[in-house]
Every structure is written in structure tokens, then in C-alpha cells.
Protein backbone atom coordinates (compact mmCIF):
# COMPACT_ATOMS: atom_id res chain seq x y z
CA UNK A 1 3.18 12.03 9.44
CA UNK A 2 3.85 8.82 11.31
CA UNK A 3 6.60 6.48 10.18
CA UNK A 4 7.95 3.14 11.34
CA UNK A 5 11.06 3.08 13.53
CA UNK A 6 13.03 2.44 10.31
CA UNK A 7 11.93 5.85 9.01
CA UNK A 8 9.75 4.22 6.34
CA UNK A 9 6.07 5.07 5.93
CA UNK A 10 3.74 2.62 7.67
CA UNK A 11 1.88 1.85 4.43
CA UNK A 12 3.48 0.71 1.19
CA UNK A 13 1.55 0.14 -2.03
CA UNK A 14 3.03 -2.12 -4.70
CA UNK A 15 1.46 -1.20 -8.03
CA UNK A 16 2.01 -0.85 -11.75
CA UNK A 17 1.14 1.75 -14.39
CA UNK A 18 -2.17 1.31 -16.15
CA UNK A 19 -3.72 -0.72 -13.33
CA UNK A 20 -7.24 0.51 -12.50
CA UNK A 21 -7.30 -1.46 -9.23
CA UNK A 22 -4.05 0.29 -8.28
CA UNK A 23 -5.71 3.65 -8.89
CA UNK A 24 -8.61 2.65 -6.64
CA UNK A 25 -6.29 1.32 -3.92
CA UNK A 26 -4.16 4.48 -4.04
CA UNK A 27 -7.24 6.65 -3.53
CA UNK A 28 -8.36 4.66 -0.47
CA UNK A 29 -4.86 4.59 1.03
CA UNK A 30 -4.33 8.31 0.43
CA UNK A 31 -7.67 9.17 2.05
CA UNK A 32 -7.11 6.96 5.11
CA UNK A 33 -3.51 8.07 5.60
CA UNK A 34 -4.50 11.74 5.30
CA UNK A 35 -7.31 11.28 7.82
CA UNK A 36 -5.03 9.50 10.32
CA UNK A 37 -1.87 11.55 9.81
CA UNK A 38 0.01 8.56 8.40
CA UNK A 39 2.32 8.39 5.43
CA UNK A 40 2.52 5.94 2.56
CA UNK A 41 4.76 5.28 -0.37
CA UNK A 42 4.34 3.45 -3.62
CA UNK A 43 6.61 1.06 -5.52
CA UNK A 44 6.13 0.24 -9.20
CA UNK A 45 6.72 -3.52 -9.43
CA UNK A 46 7.64 -3.30 -13.11
CA UNK A 47 10.85 -1.49 -12.16
CA UNK A 48 12.18 -4.54 -10.30
CA UNK A 49 12.22 -8.05 -11.83
CA UNK A 50 11.99 -9.72 -8.39
CA UNK A 51 8.93 -7.69 -7.37
CA UNK A 52 7.33 -8.20 -10.77
CA UNK A 53 7.74 -11.98 -10.43
CA UNK A 54 6.46 -11.97 -6.83
CA UNK A 55 3.43 -9.68 -7.20
CA UNK A 56 2.46 -9.63 -10.87
CA UNK A 57 -0.85 -11.50 -10.35
CA UNK A 58 -1.76 -9.72 -7.11
CA UNK A 59 -1.28 -5.99 -7.72
CA UNK A 60 -2.13 -3.81 -6.07
CA UNK A 61 -0.56 -5.22 -2.93
CA UNK A 62 -0.68 -3.26 0.32
CA UNK A 63 1.72 -3.68 3.23
CA UNK A 64 1.20 -2.15 6.68
CA UNK A 65 4.15 -1.99 9.08
CA UNK A 66 6.12 -4.35 6.84
CA UNK A 67 3.49 -7.12 6.64
CA UNK A 68 1.21 -7.86 3.71
CA UNK A 69 -2.23 -6.46 4.46
CA UNK A 70 -4.33 -6.68 1.26
CA UNK A 71 -4.12 -7.40 -2.44
CA UNK A 72 -6.36 -6.44 -5.38
CA UNK A 73 -8.63 -4.26 -3.24
CA UNK A 74 -8.05 -2.19 -0.11
CA UNK A 75 -10.78 -2.43 2.50
CA UNK A 76 -10.92 1.02 4.08
CA UNK A 77 -12.26 -0.22 7.42
CA UNK A 78 -9.59 -2.91 7.74
CA UNK A 79 -6.86 -0.41 6.85
CA UNK A 80 -8.09 2.07 9.45
CA UNK A 81 -8.10 -0.68 12.09
CA UNK A 82 -4.58 -1.79 11.18
CA UNK A 83 -3.26 1.75 11.43
CA UNK A 84 -4.99 2.33 14.77
CA UNK A 85 -2.76 -0.33 16.38
């Protein structure tokens, strides 16, 4: 699995429990990362007051290589392109 120079996965999903859009985003991210040999991790925003304040109206939020990539929905084609760079 490919990781950034920092040792972190290239894709990070900010989510929360009970979020159906988060479930959909996770499925797309997992499929794309598996296909491309990439890794991803997930952070529950409700476990951190700062993240909850920052992202509460936008979850799920997807970051690629440390930069915000998508929120609410993950476009599979866009994610594949971003990871091909």
C-alpha cells in the first residue's frame, strides 16, 4: 500500500457514526484504494471538538495527500485521477 512521505495513507476520510453519506463515501474510497494499491484511514469527527466544529456540516470530507478533495459525495473518477498523480 502506498503512503505519503510522512507515513500516512494518501486518503483520509473524515466521517461520523450514523452518516449514510459517510457509508457511501467509505465504499467508494475502499474500492478505489484497493484497485490502485493505496491506503486510506478514517477519522470520526465527533471524537474531536475542533474537527466537529470544522466539518460538521460537510461530512463526509475526503482529503488526498493532505489537501481537501471532496465533501458530501466522493466522485470515483476524480478520486482515481487524484491518486494517479
